Amino acid sequence: MASISRRHGLKLGLAALAGAPLVLAGARPAKAATHEVTIERFKYIPAELTVAPGDTIIFTNKDGAPHTATASDGSFDTGRLNRNKSGQITVATAGTFGYICTFHRNMKGTVIAS
């Protein structure tokens, strides 16, 4: 039976792991979460939401007037949401994203992705 030195075995093990993702014992890959924002009384509820990159946010309009949730930097836009309609976006990257309603620019919200 061939003997492998401790150092050589370590090198072989590291080489084998080089192309494999690191998985900790008992750990599972994080699942993307879904969050909800209600649009009601011309406000986003909650007005500030913390999420992780990859998470989805569903915006639901409970007002009689149409609304949008449109990022100030253009990174997302739900489009026009009439009463009881929903639109969803997926947060692609980390950062802080302010958004407004394009019909009612005094309506403001913030998504913090970290």
PDB file of N, CA and C in Angstrom:
ATOM      1  N   MET A   1       0.842  -1.164   0.000  1.00  0.00           N
ATOM      2  CA  MET A   1       0.000   0.000   0.000  1.00  0.00           C
ATOM      3  C   MET A   1       0.892   1.233   0.000  1.00  0.00           C
ATOM      4  N   ALA A   2       0.612   2.178  -0.862  1.00  0.00           N
ATOM      5  CA  ALA A   2       1.418   3.383  -0.986  1.00  0.00           C
ATOM      6  C   ALA A   2       1.100   4.325   0.159  1.00  0.00           C
ATOM      7  N   SER A   3       2.116   5.000   0.618  1.00  0.00           N
ATOM      8  CA  SER A   3       1.951   5.944   1.710  1.00  0.00           C
ATOM      9  C   SER A   3       1.987   7.360   1.156  1.00  0.00           C
ATOM     10  N   ILE A   4       1.071   8.207   1.604  1.00  0.00           N
ATOM     11  CA  ILE A   4       1.019   9.607   1.162  1.00  0.00           C
ATOM     12  C   ILE A   4       1.373  10.463   2.356  1.00  0.00           C
ATOM     13  N   SER A   5       2.316  11.364   2.119  1.00  0.00           N
ATOM     14  CA  SER A   5       2.693  12.250   3.216  1.00  0.00           C
ATOM     15  C   SER A   5       1.534  13.176   3.554  1.00  0.00           C
ATOM     16  N   ARG A   6       1.537  13.677   4.758  1.00  0.00           N
ATOM     17  CA  ARG A   6       0.484  14.587   5.206  1.00  0.00           C
ATOM     18  C   ARG A   6       0.417  15.823   4.301  1.00  0.00           C
ATOM     19  N   ARG A   7       1.575  16.392   3.964  1.00  0.00           N
ATOM     20  CA  ARG A   7       1.622  17.575   3.101  1.00  0.00           C
ATOM     21  C   ARG A   7       1.077  17.264   1.721  1.00  0.00           C
ATOM     22  N   HIS A   8       1.469  16.117   1.144  1.00  0.00           N
ATOM     23  CA  HIS A   8       1.002  15.738  -0.184  1.00  0.00           C
ATOM     24  C   HIS A   8      -0.520  15.513  -0.166  1.00  0.00           C
ATOM     25  N   GLY A   9      -1.009  14.890   0.888  1.00  0.00           N
ATOM     26  CA  GLY A   9      -2.451  14.667   1.017  1.00  0.00           C
ATOM     27  C   GLY A   9      -3.215  15.975   1.105  1.00  0.00           C
ATOM     28  N   LEU A  10      -2.652  16.935   1.820  1.00  0.00           N
ATOM     29  CA  LEU A  10      -3.277  18.245   1.929  1.00  0.00           C
ATOM     30  C   LEU A  10      -3.335  18.928   0.568  1.00  0.00           C
ATOM     31  N   LYS A  11      -2.239  18.825  -0.195  1.00  0.00           N
ATOM     32  CA  LYS A  11      -2.217  19.420  -1.537  1.00  0.00           C
ATOM     33  C   LYS A  11      -3.263  18.782  -2.432  1.00  0.00           C
ATOM     34  N   LEU A  12      -3.375  17.455  -2.365  1.00  0.00           N
ATOM     35  CA  LEU A  12      -4.378  16.759  -3.179  1.00  0.00           C
ATOM     36  C   LEU A  12      -5.794  17.185  -2.793  1.00  0.00           C
ATOM     37  N   GLY A  13      -6.018  17.283  -1.493  1.00  0.00           N
ATOM     38  CA  GLY A  13      -7.339  17.696  -1.014  1.00  0.00           C
ATOM     39  C   GLY A  13      -7.689  19.107  -1.450  1.00  0.00           C
ATOM     40  N   LEU A  14      -6.736  20.021  -1.359  1.00  0.00           N
ATOM     41  CA  LEU A  14      -6.975  21.401  -1.788  1.00  0.00           C
ATOM     42  C   LEU A  14      -7.195  21.474  -3.288  1.00  0.00           C
ATOM     43  N   ALA A  15      -6.467  20.678  -4.038  1.00  0.00           N
ATOM     44  CA  ALA A  15      -6.640  20.664  -5.491  1.00  0.00           C
ATOM     45  C   ALA A  15      -8.045  20.172  -5.846  1.00  0.00           C
ATOM     46  N   ALA A  16      -8.524  19.166  -5.119  1.00  0.00           N
ATOM     47  CA  ALA A  16      -9.857  18.637  -5.385  1.00  0.00           C
ATOM     48  C   ALA A  16     -10.934  19.663  -5.060  1.00  0.00           C
ATOM     49  N   LEU A  17     -10.696  20.466  -4.009  1.00  0.00           N
ATOM     50  CA  LEU A  17     -11.677  21.470  -3.611  1.00  0.00           C
ATOM     51  C   LEU A  17     -11.644  22.721  -4.483  1.00  0.00           C
ATOM     52  N   ALA A  18     -10.575  22.922  -5.205  1.00  0.00           N
ATOM     53  CA  ALA A  18     -10.415  24.156  -5.974  1.00  0.00           C
ATOM     54  C   ALA A  18     -11.581  24.403  -6.914  1.00  0.00           C
ATOM     55  N   GLY A  19     -12.116  23.366  -7.500  1.00  0.00           N
ATOM     56  CA  GLY A  19     -13.220  23.560  -8.428  1.00  0.00           C
ATOM     57  C   GLY A  19     -14.577  23.333  -7.812  1.00  0.00           C
ATOM     58  N   ALA A  20     -14.628  22.995  -6.535  1.00  0.00           N
ATOM     59  CA  ALA A  20     -15.896  22.683  -5.881  1.00  0.00           C
ATOM     60  C   ALA A  20     -16.327  23.824  -4.979  1.00  0.00           C
ATOM     61  N   PRO A  21     -17.629  24.111  -4.896  1.00  0.00           N
ATOM     62  CA  PRO A  21     -18.086  25.142  -3.970  1.00  0.00           C
ATOM     63  C   PRO A  21     -17.878  24.685  -2.528  1.00  0.00           C
ATOM     64  N   LEU A  22     -17.613  25.627  -1.670  1.00  0.00           N
ATOM     65  CA  LEU A  22     -17.407  25.322  -0.257  1.00  0.00           C
ATOM     66  C   LEU A  22     -18.764  25.153   0.412  1.00  0.00           C
ATOM     67  N   VAL A  23     -18.983  24.013   1.024  1.00  0.00           N
ATOM     68  CA  VAL A  23     -20.229  23.742   1.730  1.00  0.00           C
ATOM     69  C   VAL A  23     -19.867  23.350   3.151  1.00  0.00           C
ATOM     70  N   LEU A  24     -20.388  24.069   4.097  1.00  0.00           N
ATOM     71  CA  LEU A  24     -20.149  23.747   5.496  1.00  0.00           C
ATOM     72  C   LEU A  24     -21.086  22.629   5.920  1.00  0.00           C
ATOM     73  N   ALA A  25     -20.634  21.800   6.818  1.00  0.00           N
ATOM     74  CA  ALA A  25     -21.455  20.690   7.293  1.00  0.00           C
ATOM     75  C   ALA A  25     -22.784  21.219   7.826  1.00  0.00           C
ATOM     76  N   GLY A  26     -23.864  20.699   7.313  1.00  0.00           N
ATOM     77  CA  GLY A  26     -25.185  21.096   7.773  1.00  0.00           C
ATOM     78  C   GLY A  26     -25.701  22.384   7.144  1.00  0.00           C
ATOM     79  N   ALA A  27     -24.864  23.080   6.387  1.00  0.00           N
ATOM     80  CA  ALA A  27     -25.294  24.349   5.785  1.00  0.00           C
ATOM     81  C   ALA A  27     -26.009  24.077   4.475  1.00  0.00           C
ATOM     82  N   ARG A  28     -26.990  24.890   4.215  1.00  0.00           N
ATOM     83  CA  ARG A  28     -27.717  24.819   2.949  1.00  0.00           C
ATOM     84  C   ARG A  28     -27.566  26.148   2.240  1.00  0.00           C
ATOM     85  N   PRO A  29     -27.579  26.131   0.910  1.00  0.00           N
ATOM     86  CA  PRO A  29     -27.516  27.401   0.201  1.00  0.00           C
ATOM     87  C   PRO A  29     -28.706  28.278   0.589  1.00  0.00           C
ATOM     88  N   ALA A  30     -28.468  29.565   0.709  1.00  0.00           N
ATOM     89  CA  ALA A  30     -29.541  30.486   1.084  1.00  0.00           C
ATOM     90  C   ALA A  30     -30.584  30.531  -0.026  1.00  0.00           C
ATOM     91  N   LYS A  31     -31.845  30.510   0.368  1.00  0.00           N
ATOM     92  CA  LYS A  31     -32.936  30.627  -0.593  1.00  0.00           C
ATOM     93  C   LYS A  31     -33.342  32.085  -0.679  1.00  0.00           C
ATOM     94  N   ALA A  32     -33.659  32.499  -1.863  1.00  0.00           N
ATOM     95  CA  ALA A  32     -34.148  33.864  -2.038  1.00  0.00           C
ATOM     96  C   ALA A  32     -35.490  33.996  -1.326  1.00  0.00           C
ATOM     97  N   ALA A  33     -35.692  35.130  -0.707  1.00  0.00           N
ATOM     98  CA  ALA A  33     -36.925  35.388   0.039  1.00  0.00           C
ATOM     99  C   ALA A  33     -37.851  36.272  -0.788  1.00  0.00           C
ATOM    100  N   THR A  34     -39.119  36.258  -0.439  1.00  0.00           N
ATOM    101  CA  THR A  34     -40.108  37.132  -1.057  1.00  0.00           C
ATOM    102  C   THR A  34     -40.614  38.094   0.008  1.00  0.00           C
ATOM    103  N   HIS A  35     -40.640  39.371  -0.327  1.00  0.00           N
ATOM    104  CA  HIS A  35     -41.093  40.424   0.578  1.00  0.00           C
ATOM    105  C   HIS A  35     -42.290  41.117  -0.052  1.00  0.00           C
ATOM    106  N   GLU A  36     -43.120  41.721   0.777  1.00  0.00           N
ATOM    107  CA  GLU A  36     -44.299  42.429   0.273  1.00  0.00           C
ATOM    108  C   GLU A  36     -44.302  43.873   0.728  1.00  0.00           C
ATOM    109  N   VAL A  37     -44.659  44.740  -0.208  1.00  0.00           N
ATOM    110  CA  VAL A  37     -44.869  46.159   0.079  1.00  0.00           C
ATOM    111  C   VAL A  37     -46.283  46.485  -0.377  1.00  0.00           C
ATOM    112  N   THR A  38     -47.065  47.057   0.528  1.00  0.00           N
ATOM    113  CA  THR A  38     -48.424  47.474   0.201  1.00  0.00           C
ATOM    114  C   THR A  38     -48.409  48.968  -0.103  1.00  0.00           C
ATOM    115  N   ILE A  39     -49.141  49.340  -1.125  1.00  0.00           N
ATOM    116  CA  ILE A  39     -49.309  50.755  -1.460  1.00  0.00           C
ATOM    117  C   ILE A  39     -50.714  51.130  -1.019  1.00  0.00           C
ATOM    118  N   GLU A  40     -50.775  52.013  -0.013  1.00  0.00           N
ATOM    119  CA  GLU A  40     -52.062  52.356   0.573  1.00  0.00           C
ATOM    120  C   GLU A  40     -51.997  53.767   1.142  1.00  0.00           C
ATOM    121  N   ARG A  41     -53.081  54.539   0.924  1.00  0.00           N
ATOM    122  CA  ARG A  41     -53.146  55.931   1.391  1.00  0.00           C
ATOM    123  C   ARG A  41     -51.957  56.748   0.862  1.00  0.00           C
ATOM    124  N   PHE A  42     -51.586  56.437  -0.384  1.00  0.00           N
ATOM    125  CA  PHE A  42     -50.503  57.143  -1.071  1.00  0.00           C
ATOM    126  C   PHE A  42     -49.170  57.014  -0.329  1.00  0.00           C
ATOM    127  N   LYS A  43     -48.949  55.818   0.252  1.00  0.00           N
ATOM    128  CA  LYS A  43     -47.694  55.510   0.947  1.00  0.00           C
ATOM    129  C   LYS A  43     -47.285  54.081   0.623  1.00  0.00           C
ATOM    130  N   TYR A  44     -45.972  53.838   0.679  1.00  0.00           N
ATOM    131  CA  TYR A  44     -45.434  52.482   0.601  1.00  0.00           C
ATOM    132  C   TYR A  44     -45.305  51.950   2.032  1.00  0.00           C
ATOM    133  N   ILE A  45     -45.839  50.779   2.276  1.00  0.00           N
ATOM    134  CA  ILE A  45     -45.809  50.203   3.619  1.00  0.00           C
ATOM    135  C   ILE A  45     -45.171  48.819   3.525  1.00  0.00           C
ATOM    136  N   PRO A  46     -43.955  48.626   4.045  1.00  0.00           N
ATOM    137  CA  PRO A  46     -43.113  49.609   4.729  1.00  0.00           C
ATOM    138  C   PRO A  46     -42.419  50.530   3.726  1.00  0.00           C
ATOM    139  N   ALA A  47     -42.068  51.712   4.190  1.00  0.00           N
ATOM    140  CA  ALA A  47     -41.387  52.684   3.333  1.00  0.00           C
ATOM    141  C   ALA A  47     -39.912  52.337   3.150  1.00  0.00           C
ATOM    142  N   GLU A  48     -39.344  51.589   4.106  1.00  0.00           N
ATOM    143  CA  GLU A  48     -37.959  51.134   4.005  1.00  0.00           C
ATOM    144  C   GLU A  48     -37.943  49.635   4.222  1.00  0.00           C
ATOM    145  N   LEU A  49     -37.258  48.934   3.323  1.00  0.00           N
ATOM    146  CA  LEU A  49     -37.242  47.479   3.367  1.00  0.00           C
ATOM    147  C   LEU A  49     -35.815  46.989   3.161  1.00  0.00           C
ATOM    148  N   THR A  50     -35.361  46.094   4.034  1.00  0.00           N
ATOM    149  CA  THR A  50     -34.030  45.501   3.898  1.00  0.00           C
ATOM    150  C   THR A  50     -34.173  44.082   3.368  1.00  0.00           C
ATOM    151  N   VAL A  51     -33.448  43.791   2.293  1.00  0.00           N
ATOM    152  CA  VAL A  51     -33.519  42.496   1.616  1.00  0.00           C
ATOM    153  C   VAL A  51     -32.098  42.020   1.307  1.00  0.00           C
ATOM    154  N   ALA A  52     -31.999  40.841   0.724  1.00  0.00           N
ATOM    155  CA  ALA A  52     -30.724  40.318   0.242  1.00  0.00           C
ATOM    156  C   ALA A  52     -30.750  40.321  -1.284  1.00  0.00           C
ATOM    157  N   PRO A  53     -29.597  40.477  -1.932  1.00  0.00           N
ATOM    158  CA  PRO A  53     -29.575  40.342  -3.385  1.00  0.00           C
ATOM    159  C   PRO A  53     -30.175  38.996  -3.787  1.00  0.00           C
ATOM    160  N   GLY A  54     -30.998  39.003  -4.812  1.00  0.00           N
ATOM    161  CA  GLY A  54     -31.695  37.797  -5.251  1.00  0.00           C
ATOM    162  C   GLY A  54     -33.104  37.691  -4.723  1.00  0.00           C
ATOM    163  N   ASP A  55     -33.445  38.477  -3.704  1.00  0.00           N
ATOM    164  CA  ASP A  55     -34.803  38.465  -3.150  1.00  0.00           C
ATOM    165  C   ASP A  55     -35.784  39.134  -4.102  1.00  0.00           C
ATOM    166  N   THR A  56     -37.038  38.772  -3.951  1.00  0.00           N
ATOM    167  CA  THR A  56     -38.125  39.334  -4.748  1.00  0.00           C
ATOM    168  C   THR A  56     -38.989  40.225  -3.850  1.00  0.00           C
ATOM    169  N   ILE A  57     -39.443  41.331  -4.422  1.00  0.00           N
ATOM    170  CA  ILE A  57     -40.369  42.214  -3.713  1.00  0.00           C
ATOM    171  C   ILE A  57     -41.639  42.306  -4.543  1.00  0.00           C
ATOM    172  N   ILE A  58     -42.768  42.070  -3.891  1.00  0.00           N
ATOM    173  CA  ILE A  58     -44.073  42.201  -4.549  1.00  0.00           C
ATOM    174  C   ILE A  58     -44.720  43.476  -4.032  1.00  0.00           C
ATOM    175  N   PHE A  59     -45.068  44.378  -4.935  1.00  0.00           N
ATOM    176  CA  PHE A  59     -45.753  45.628  -4.611  1.00  0.00           C
ATOM    177  C   PHE A  59     -47.219  45.456  -4.978  1.00  0.00           C
ATOM    178  N   THR A  60     -48.129  45.700  -4.006  1.00  0.00           N
ATOM    179  CA  THR A  60     -49.562  45.568  -4.254  1.00  0.00           C
ATOM    180  C   THR A  60     -50.243  46.896  -3.968  1.00  0.00           C
ATOM    181  N   ASN A  61     -50.995  47.401  -4.945  1.00  0.00           N
ATOM    182  CA  ASN A  61     -51.685  48.682  -4.827  1.00  0.00           C
ATOM    183  C   ASN A  61     -53.083  48.476  -4.253  1.00  0.00           C
ATOM    184  N   LYS A  62     -53.348  49.081  -3.092  1.00  0.00           N
ATOM    185  CA  LYS A  62     -54.669  49.023  -2.456  1.00  0.00           C
ATOM    186  C   LYS A  62     -55.443  50.335  -2.636  1.00  0.00           C
ATOM    187  N   ASP A  63     -54.803  51.322  -3.285  1.00  0.00           N
ATOM    188  CA  ASP A  63     -55.467  52.609  -3.522  1.00  0.00           C
ATOM    189  C   ASP A  63     -56.319  52.558  -4.782  1.00  0.00           C
ATOM    190  N   GLY A  64     -57.232  53.518  -4.886  1.00  0.00           N
ATOM    191  CA  GLY A  64     -58.045  53.647  -6.094  1.00  0.00           C
ATOM    192  C   GLY A  64     -57.266  54.255  -7.249  1.00  0.00           C
ATOM    193  N   ALA A  65     -56.240  55.019  -6.946  1.00  0.00           N
ATOM    194  CA  ALA A  65     -55.411  55.655  -7.969  1.00  0.00           C
ATOM    195  C   ALA A  65     -54.302  54.703  -8.412  1.00  0.00           C
ATOM    196  N   PRO A  66     -53.864  54.806  -9.663  1.00  0.00           N
ATOM    197  CA  PRO A  66     -52.741  53.970 -10.107  1.00  0.00           C
ATOM    198  C   PRO A  66     -51.435  54.451  -9.479  1.00  0.00           C
ATOM    199  N   HIS A  67     -50.494  53.527  -9.295  1.00  0.00           N
ATOM    200  CA  HIS A  67     -49.183  53.840  -8.746  1.00  0.00           C
ATOM    201  C   HIS A  67     -48.123  53.014  -9.465  1.00  0.00           C
ATOM    202  N   THR A  68     -46.859  53.382  -9.238  1.00  0.00           N
ATOM    203  CA  THR A  68     -45.716  52.587  -9.663  1.00  0.00           C
ATOM    204  C   THR A  68     -44.741  52.506  -8.494  1.00  0.00           C
ATOM    205  N   ALA A  69     -43.780  51.629  -8.614  1.00  0.00           N
ATOM    206  CA  ALA A  69     -42.591  51.632  -7.753  1.00  0.00           C
ATOM    207  C   ALA A  69     -41.431  51.640  -8.738  1.00  0.00           C
ATOM    208  N   THR A  70     -40.844  52.821  -8.907  1.00  0.00           N
ATOM    209  CA  THR A  70     -39.830  53.035  -9.933  1.00  0.00           C
ATOM    210  C   THR A  70     -38.545  53.517  -9.280  1.00  0.00           C
ATOM    211  N   ALA A  71     -37.463  52.751  -9.447  1.00  0.00           N
ATOM    212  CA  ALA A  71     -36.176  53.107  -8.844  1.00  0.00           C
ATOM    213  C   ALA A  71     -35.656  54.408  -9.431  1.00  0.00           C
ATOM    214  N   SER A  72     -35.098  55.235  -8.578  1.00  0.00           N
ATOM    215  CA  SER A  72     -34.537  56.520  -9.008  1.00  0.00           C
ATOM    216  C   SER A  72     -33.408  56.326 -10.010  1.00  0.00           C
ATOM    217  N   ASP A  73     -32.653  55.218  -9.877  1.00  0.00           N
ATOM    218  CA  ASP A  73     -31.547  54.963 -10.803  1.00  0.00           C
ATOM    219  C   ASP A  73     -31.976  54.135 -12.016  1.00  0.00           C
ATOM    220  N   GLY A  74     -33.278  53.829 -12.124  1.00  0.00           N
ATOM    221  CA  GLY A  74     -33.790  53.079 -13.270  1.00  0.00           C
ATOM    222  C   GLY A  74     -33.574  51.576 -13.186  1.00  0.00           C
ATOM    223  N   SER A  75     -33.097  51.062 -12.051  1.00  0.00           N
ATOM    224  CA  SER A  75     -32.789  49.635 -11.950  1.00  0.00           C
ATOM    225  C   SER A  75     -34.027  48.744 -11.867  1.00  0.00           C
ATOM    226  N   PHE A  76     -35.165  49.303 -11.466  1.00  0.00           N
ATOM    227  CA  PHE A  76     -36.404  48.528 -11.487  1.00  0.00           C
ATOM    228  C   PHE A  76     -37.602  49.444 -11.661  1.00  0.00           C
ATOM    229  N   ASP A  77     -38.686  48.857 -12.149  1.00  0.00           N
ATOM    230  CA  ASP A  77     -39.944  49.578 -12.358  1.00  0.00           C
ATOM    231  C   ASP A  77     -41.063  48.551 -12.435  1.00  0.00           C
ATOM    232  N   THR A  78     -42.053  48.698 -11.584  1.00  0.00           N
ATOM    233  CA  THR A  78     -43.184  47.767 -11.603  1.00  0.00           C
ATOM    234  C   THR A  78     -44.135  48.045 -12.759  1.00  0.00           C
ATOM    235  N   GLY A  79     -44.023  49.221 -13.350  1.00  0.00           N
ATOM    236  CA  GLY A  79     -45.030  49.628 -14.316  1.00  0.00           C
ATOM    237  C   GLY A  79     -46.275  50.080 -13.573  1.00  0.00           C
ATOM    238  N   ARG A  80     -47.296  50.449 -14.314  1.00  0.00           N
ATOM    239  CA  ARG A  80     -48.546  50.954 -13.735  1.00  0.00           C
ATOM    240  C   ARG A  80     -49.272  49.837 -12.984  1.00  0.00           C
ATOM    241  N   LEU A  81     -49.594  50.125 -11.736  1.00  0.00           N
ATOM    242  CA  LEU A  81     -50.357  49.180 -10.916  1.00  0.00           C
ATOM    243  C   LEU A  81     -51.700  49.814 -10.575  1.00  0.00           C
ATOM    244  N   ASN A  82     -52.762  49.289 -11.126  1.00  0.00           N
ATOM    245  CA  ASN A  82     -54.103  49.764 -10.787  1.00  0.00           C
ATOM    246  C   ASN A  82     -54.540  49.117  -9.474  1.00  0.00           C
ATOM    247  N   ARG A  83     -55.702  49.515  -8.979  1.00  0.00           N
ATOM    248  CA  ARG A  83     -56.208  49.003  -7.694  1.00  0.00           C
ATOM    249  C   ARG A  83     -56.197  47.478  -7.660  1.00  0.00           C
ATOM    250  N   ASN A  84     -55.693  46.931  -6.544  1.00  0.00           N
ATOM    251  CA  ASN A  84     -55.614  45.487  -6.282  1.00  0.00           C
ATOM    252  C   ASN A  84     -54.724  44.719  -7.263  1.00  0.00           C
ATOM    253  N   LYS A  85     -53.866  45.421  -7.979  1.00  0.00           N
ATOM    254  CA  LYS A  85     -52.909  44.784  -8.880  1.00  0.00           C
ATOM    255  C   LYS A  85     -51.538  44.784  -8.232  1.00  0.00           C
ATOM    256  N   SER A  86     -50.737  43.796  -8.596  1.00  0.00           N
ATOM    257  CA  SER A  86     -49.395  43.653  -8.038  1.00  0.00           C
ATOM    258  C   SER A  86     -48.357  43.609  -9.150  1.00  0.00           C
ATOM    259  N   GLY A  87     -47.176  44.032  -8.791  1.00  0.00           N
ATOM    260  CA  GLY A  87     -46.021  43.916  -9.667  1.00  0.00           C
ATOM    261  C   GLY A  87     -44.850  43.467  -8.824  1.00  0.00           C
ATOM    262  N   GLN A  88     -43.938  42.733  -9.429  1.00  0.00           N
ATOM    263  CA  GLN A  88     -42.808  42.265  -8.650  1.00  0.00           C
ATOM    264  C   GLN A  88     -41.491  42.588  -9.325  1.00  0.00           C
ATOM    265  N   ILE A  89     -40.484  42.739  -8.492  1.00  0.00           N
ATOM    266  CA  ILE A  89     -39.128  42.976  -8.967  1.00  0.00           C
ATOM    267  C   ILE A  89     -38.212  42.024  -8.199  1.00  0.00           C
ATOM    268  N   THR A  90     -37.082  41.704  -8.797  1.00  0.00           N
ATOM    269  CA  THR A  90     -36.050  40.924  -8.128  1.00  0.00           C
ATOM    270  C   THR A  90     -34.837  41.812  -7.975  1.00  0.00           C
ATOM    271  N   VAL A  91     -34.323  41.917  -6.768  1.00  0.00           N
ATOM    272  CA  VAL A  91     -33.173  42.771  -6.482  1.00  0.00           C
ATOM    273  C   VAL A  91     -31.916  42.033  -6.943  1.00  0.00           C
ATOM    274  N   ALA A  92     -31.220  42.612  -7.916  1.00  0.00           N
ATOM    275  CA  ALA A  92     -30.088  41.925  -8.526  1.00  0.00           C
ATOM    276  C   ALA A  92     -28.779  42.102  -7.755  1.00  0.00           C
ATOM    277  N   THR A  93     -28.562  43.277  -7.183  1.00  0.00           N
ATOM    278  CA  THR A  93     -27.270  43.556  -6.564  1.00  0.00           C
ATOM    279  C   THR A  93     -27.444  44.240  -5.212  1.00  0.00           C
ATOM    280  N   ALA A  94     -26.378  44.243  -4.447  1.00  0.00           N
ATOM    281  CA  ALA A  94     -26.383  44.951  -3.168  1.00  0.00           C
ATOM    282  C   ALA A  94     -26.370  46.454  -3.419  1.00  0.00           C
ATOM    283  N   GLY A  95     -26.952  47.195  -2.491  1.00  0.00           N
ATOM    284  CA  GLY A  95     -26.971  48.651  -2.591  1.00  0.00           C
ATOM    285  C   GLY A  95     -28.213  49.214  -1.943  1.00  0.00           C
ATOM    286  N   THR A  96     -28.299  50.524  -1.975  1.00  0.00           N
ATOM    287  CA  THR A  96     -29.476  51.224  -1.461  1.00  0.00           C
ATOM    288  C   THR A  96     -30.176  51.860  -2.649  1.00  0.00           C
ATOM    289  N   PHE A  97     -31.454  51.558  -2.800  1.00  0.00           N
ATOM    290  CA  PHE A  97     -32.220  51.991  -3.959  1.00  0.00           C
ATOM    291  C   PHE A  97     -33.440  52.789  -3.526  1.00  0.00           C
ATOM    292  N   GLY A  98     -33.424  54.075  -3.807  1.00  0.00           N
ATOM    293  CA  GLY A  98     -34.596  54.894  -3.570  1.00  0.00           C
ATOM    294  C   GLY A  98     -35.568  54.684  -4.714  1.00  0.00           C
ATOM    295  N   TYR A  99     -36.854  54.773  -4.417  1.00  0.00           N
ATOM    296  CA  TYR A  99     -37.851  54.649  -5.481  1.00  0.00           C
ATOM    297  C   TYR A  99     -39.020  55.577  -5.208  1.00  0.00           C
ATOM    298  N   ILE A 100     -39.759  55.855  -6.268  1.00  0.00           N
ATOM    299  CA  ILE A 100     -40.904  56.764  -6.204  1.00  0.00           C
ATOM    300  C   ILE A 100     -42.056  56.184  -7.015  1.00  0.00           C
ATOM    301  N   CYS A 101     -43.201  56.825  -6.890  1.00  0.00           N
ATOM    302  CA  CYS A 101     -44.326  56.589  -7.789  1.00  0.00           C
ATOM    303  C   CYS A 101     -44.219  57.643  -8.888  1.00  0.00           C
ATOM    304  N   THR A 102     -44.195  57.236 -10.130  1.00  0.00           N
ATOM    305  CA  THR A 102     -44.054  58.216 -11.214  1.00  0.00           C
ATOM    306  C   THR A 102     -45.306  59.083 -11.377  1.00  0.00           C
ATOM    307  N   PHE A 103     -46.442  58.649 -10.842  1.00  0.00           N
ATOM    308  CA  PHE A 103     -47.661  59.453 -10.893  1.00  0.00           C
ATOM    309  C   PHE A 103     -47.736  60.431  -9.715  1.00  0.00           C
ATOM    310  N   HIS A 104     -47.150  60.060  -8.598  1.00  0.00           N
ATOM    311  CA  HIS A 104     -47.233  60.853  -7.366  1.00  0.00           C
ATOM    312  C   HIS A 104     -45.833  60.941  -6.770  1.00  0.00           C
ATOM    313  N   ARG A 105     -45.046  61.861  -7.237  1.00  0.00           N
ATOM    314  CA  ARG A 105     -43.616  61.923  -6.913  1.00  0.00           C
ATOM    315  C   ARG A 105     -43.326  62.196  -5.438  1.00  0.00           C
ATOM    316  N   ASN A 106     -44.332  62.555  -4.664  1.00  0.00           N
ATOM    317  CA  ASN A 106     -44.121  62.724  -3.228  1.00  0.00           C
ATOM    318  C   ASN A 106     -44.094  61.377  -2.496  1.00  0.00           C
ATOM    319  N   MET A 107     -44.498  60.306  -3.161  1.00  0.00           N
ATOM    320  CA  MET A 107     -44.446  58.967  -2.593  1.00  0.00           C
ATOM    321  C   MET A 107     -43.017  58.433  -2.771  1.00  0.00           C
ATOM    322  N   LYS A 108     -42.388  58.071  -1.656  1.00  0.00           N
ATOM    323  CA  LYS A 108     -40.997  57.620  -1.718  1.00  0.00           C
ATOM    324  C   LYS A 108     -40.794  56.405  -0.840  1.00  0.00           C
ATOM    325  N   GLY A 109     -39.891  55.535  -1.280  1.00  0.00           N
ATOM    326  CA  GLY A 109     -39.513  54.350  -0.516  1.00  0.00           C
ATOM    327  C   GLY A 109     -38.048  54.056  -0.744  1.00  0.00           C
ATOM    328  N   THR A 110     -37.532  53.129   0.060  1.00  0.00           N
ATOM    329  CA  THR A 110     -36.130  52.732  -0.055  1.00  0.00           C
ATOM    330  C   THR A 110     -35.999  51.217   0.118  1.00  0.00           C
ATOM    331  N   VAL A 111     -35.211  50.612  -0.758  1.00  0.00           N
ATOM    332  CA  VAL A 111     -34.833  49.202  -0.624  1.00  0.00           C
ATOM    333  C   VAL A 111     -33.348  49.173  -0.312  1.00  0.00           C
ATOM    334  N   ILE A 112     -33.006  48.472   0.759  1.00  0.00           N
ATOM    335  CA  ILE A 112     -31.603  48.296   1.143  1.00  0.00           C
ATOM    336  C   ILE A 112     -31.286  46.814   0.937  1.00  0.00           C
ATOM    337  N   ALA A 113     -30.403  46.527  -0.008  1.00  0.00           N
ATOM    338  CA  ALA A 113     -30.004  45.148  -0.299  1.00  0.00           C
ATOM    339  C   ALA A 113     -28.582  44.929   0.191  1.00  0.00           C
ATOM    340  N   SER A 114     -28.440  44.006   1.136  1.00  0.00           N
ATOM    341  CA  SER A 114     -27.088  43.737   1.673  1.00  0.00           C
ATOM    342  C   SER A 114     -26.920  42.251   1.960  1.00  0.00           C
TER     343      SER A 114
END
